Amino acid sequence: MADRVTSSTARFGLTESRAEAELRAAGLWDDHGPVVEHELILTALSRSPDPDLALRGLARIREADEPGWATLRSALVSNRRLRGRMISVLGGSSTLADLLVAHPGEWRRLSGEGVPASDYAKTLLRMVEAAADGIATKRGTEAVKALRFGYRGLLLELAADDLGHLVEPALPAPAYEDVASRLSDLAEAALRAALAVAWAENGGLASQDKTRLAVIAMGKCGGHELNYVSDVDVVFAAEDDLSLATRVASAMMRTAHEACFEVDANLRPEGRNGALVRTVDGHLAYYKRWARTWEFQALLKARPVAGDAELGRAYIDAVAPLVWNAANRDNFVVDVQAMRRRVEDHVPSELLERELKLGRGGLRDIEFAVQLLQLVHGRTDETLRIGSTVDALAALAAGGYVGRTDGAELAESYRFLRTLEHRLQLQRLRRTHLFPADDDTADLRWLARATGIGPDRGKSEAQVLLAEFRRRANRIRRLHEKLFYRPLLEAVSRVPTGSLRLTADQAEARLAALGYTSPQGALKHIEALTSGVSRRAAIQTALLPVLLDLLAETADPDGGLLAYRRVSEALASTPWYLRVLRDEGAVAERLAFLLGTSRLVPDLVVRAPEVLRLLADPKDLTLRDPAEVAASLRNVVKRHSYLGNAVTAARSLRRHELARVACADLLGFMDVLSVCSALSSVWGAVLQAALHAVDRSEAVAAGGNLARIAVIGMGRLGGAELGYGSDADVMFVCEAAQGVSDTDALKYATRVATTVRRLLGSPSQDPPLQVDVDLRPEGRQGPIVRTLESYRAYYAQWSEVWESQALLRARPIAGDEELGARFVELIDPIRYPDGGLTDDAVREIRRIKARVDTERLPRGADPTSHTKLGRGGLADVEWTLQLVQLRHAHEFPALRTTSTIKGLAAAVAAGLLSAEDSAELTQSWLLATRVRNAITLVRGKSTDQLPTQGRELLAVVSALGPDTPGGLADPGEFLDYYRRTTRRAHSVIERVFYDE
């Protein structure tokens, strides 16, 4: 019998064990099951969002008013309107159920038509006993209680209208716009009533004669699209006695907060740090001089809602021209992009897919894009000057700025998400925007039923809702593609259409607003890429909207688009190029960033297109063994008998590796030391391959190898610290072959070395490969190649202290390994002198450095931001370490390293540097190295000067990646950080380098 009863209650969606007992107590159930005359109530319960919650609410109401239960039960049977509205509220909102329990007679207001929105203000003013002059009789706690009761009662009616059709389908289902508008009207009415109380608490009618105060609604309330639970954003404008106006405004905010909702005035000038109340002229002065673009974006929805109506209109009339000229501001794009980043950064990554408001494909995506289009095109089209998002979308579609179908679909998606948001907030009258987790079946089922979604084609309500939510979110994620870029393609392709009517001027305005400084040029690139009827043009037409969006987020959208056109034209005959971009989303995204950030990468990619395939997987970009690279170079070179072809092949592989490393570096997949090591390894492999090819050619001509040759890396090459624009500092050492005189061996080796330098440094489309031999004995006056014994003799008799310093980073990198090892054995006593340096030698090094500091810095260079020779830059740090090495490496073997970073660590271990000083020097050296590399990547040519303003500085900061040193993405803040870091290092250098 128990099983039969349980099954019967379950038929009405009631699953809790106490359901039957509560039904019996309510007189809705007897021993035979449902009481027939009350089955309408049970059926209504079954249709509510949560039947168990609705039944529990009925039970609580009955218990609170047992004598009145029979009357209510009878009314629920006879009055369809009451039945649908009341039971839907009980199953949809536990908080509104609490209201009905606390005030048993309140259910009667659900049986009639209720208070129309036009009478909300009159109703709430009556609750606080406000007179015609706008001054309330009730004050303080009494006023708050009365206003809260009146507000909640009207909210109850509104929610009942919103949900009633779920339980009784014959009841009208209000549109989202109607509900949002009524919520806004209710908030407006509450603000007026709270203001009436505030005036009463601050002098009443006499005070109104001393000051004028207008309340301007912003945000969703201003746009007539408020949520059930939301802050109400406002700003205040006043005239005359601002102190009094401020007290009244504060009292209004406090009363409204205690009775109804939070009133947020942080959108005012200067935010929470600014004055709460300003004059209209005060607002204008701020907006004209200090306001950021997002503040004008916020003003799009501004409208006066309470207080002095004439003053409110004056405020709107004054700020409107500024709003509709915001898109002309120099910082428009930067501010818009910063706003987008802030929105995304507010959401924890694990909730990004569930956040209705701020998540990907959420409400803010639509609102943001609609507002941006309004700001761009509303300058000349007054029909776009609308506060409501849905209405603005309709106006954009009607004006041809958005496709009609796209506009309609986005509006529908917006309504859908806002409805979900309303239902989630109604449940407990709490502010939330979080969609239930995929595995939270109970909450998904409740939300689906509360939204009117039922099972479909074998799928449960929860599954249908989840699928629909994902479909809508994915649709919105392509928001910018649809709203911004598709019309641009239509504008230049001359395809007749009835739904997209952007003129060339309008297309240019849109591109300018998105960060393209040369909109005409951008349109020409778009036209060139999409013209014609080829398959290639069709794929480009599909790709470009996404790429234009991605490029707009980079430091140089114009340069990026030009580079994309160059790459696309150069690879037009490469069959896989566009297919990879189309099918591999990560490749397109990464390529757009690379092209919009670096001038070097496009030049490399055009001649090394195979690197594009590596963009799909970071491992392909980074997991390349240097020994494997060197072996590949040697094998390729060996296959070419003609010397010119062999060296060209070596340069080609170097180009590929340079492109690979540059891409990995810019995308943040390699750290700075790995980048420097990889670049140095590539240089060494190229020198090895070129030396082998030339040696082989010369040997054929000379009838055999006349000499063994070793290439000694110096400077950054020797330290494995090369940057993208670094030359290769080397010395050549030779040794005569068996039976060959030193003279003949030197002539032979010199021909080889000279040919290697000439072939590698000859002009080409690749970055130059300059082999610099100026660090050899006697500098430019000395022979390019010496024998091992000649080096021994020179260093024994003529060597100066600067040459010992230069030898600190000498190491064999190519050629005969055994000869290279003996050269190292030869120079060790010279660079690590027994007993360290004499006092005279120390003074000489300091003298030379002082001369370098004053003479070698280029004219006009900024010493605070020159990465190589500036204060705290690379040379500063390296000279300091090298002096320590020359003085102490004989005593501490760990100092005998060519690496700057390892040397600094060894100096700490030896007690020659404090850990703090070493940390400052290491941080400065790594920062300067990263920045120097980034500058070369951005500019496409070698330079040591960090830009101090403009797009180039922005590009350098962007090139440093998401883990920008100091975590600073703002160019100005990063520049300050760079100068601060190098300044601290320089103070250490001054103390350590000149310490006696």
Foldseek 3Di string as FASTA:
>chain_A
DVVVQCVLLVVLVANDPCLQVLCVVLVQADPVGGDVLQVLLSLLLSLALHSNQLSVLLSLLCVLPVPCSVVVSVCLSVQLQLVLLSSNLSRQAVQLSVVCNVPVVLSVCRRDPHDDLVCLLVQLLVLQCADPVLAGPHEDPSNLVSNQNSLSSNLSNLSSLCQSCSSVVVRDHDALLVSLLSLLSNLLSLLSNLLNRLCNVQPHPVVCVQKFKWKKWWDSSLQSGDALADATEIAMAMDGPVVSRLSSVVSSQVSCVSRPHHHADQLQQVGPPDRRYYHLVVSLVCLVPPDDLVSLLRLLSIATRYTDRVRRVVSNVRCVLSSLCSLVDPCLQVRLLVVLVVLQVVDDPVQQLFFQDRHQLHLVLQSSLLSLLCSLPVNPPVCLSHSHSLSNLVSCQVVQLAFPVLSVLLSVLNSVLSQLQNSVCNHHVDHGRGHDDLPPQSSLSSSLSSSVAADDDPRGSSVVSVVVSVVSSVSSNCVQLRRQPLLLLCQLAVDDDDRHDQHLVSNLSSLVSLPAPCSVLLSVLSNVQQDDDDPRNVLCSVQVSVLLNLLSSELASNQLSVLVSVLCVLCVVVVCVSVCVNPQVQLSNLSSRLRSQFPQLSLLCSLQVVLSVQSSDLCSLQVDDLVNLLVVLQVQLVVDLDLLVSLVSLVSSLSNNLNSLLSCLLAVNDAQLSSLLSNLSSLLSSLQSNLVNLQVVLQVVVVHRQKFKFKKWWDSSLQSRDFPFDETEIAMEIDTDPPHDQVVNLVSVLVSVVVSQCSQQPDDSHRGHHYAHQLDPVGPPDRRYYYLVVVLVCLVPPDALVNLLRCLSIATRHTDNVRRVVSCVSSVCSNQPVQFDDPVNLVVLVVVLVCCLVPVDDPPADLLFQQDNHQLHQVLQSSLLSNVRRGPCNPQVQCSHNHSLSNLVSCCVVVNDPPVLSVLSVVLHSLSSLLQNLLCRRVVHGGRGQDQDDSSLLSSLSSSDCPRVVNDNDSNVSSVVNSVSSVVNNVSSVCRSPPD
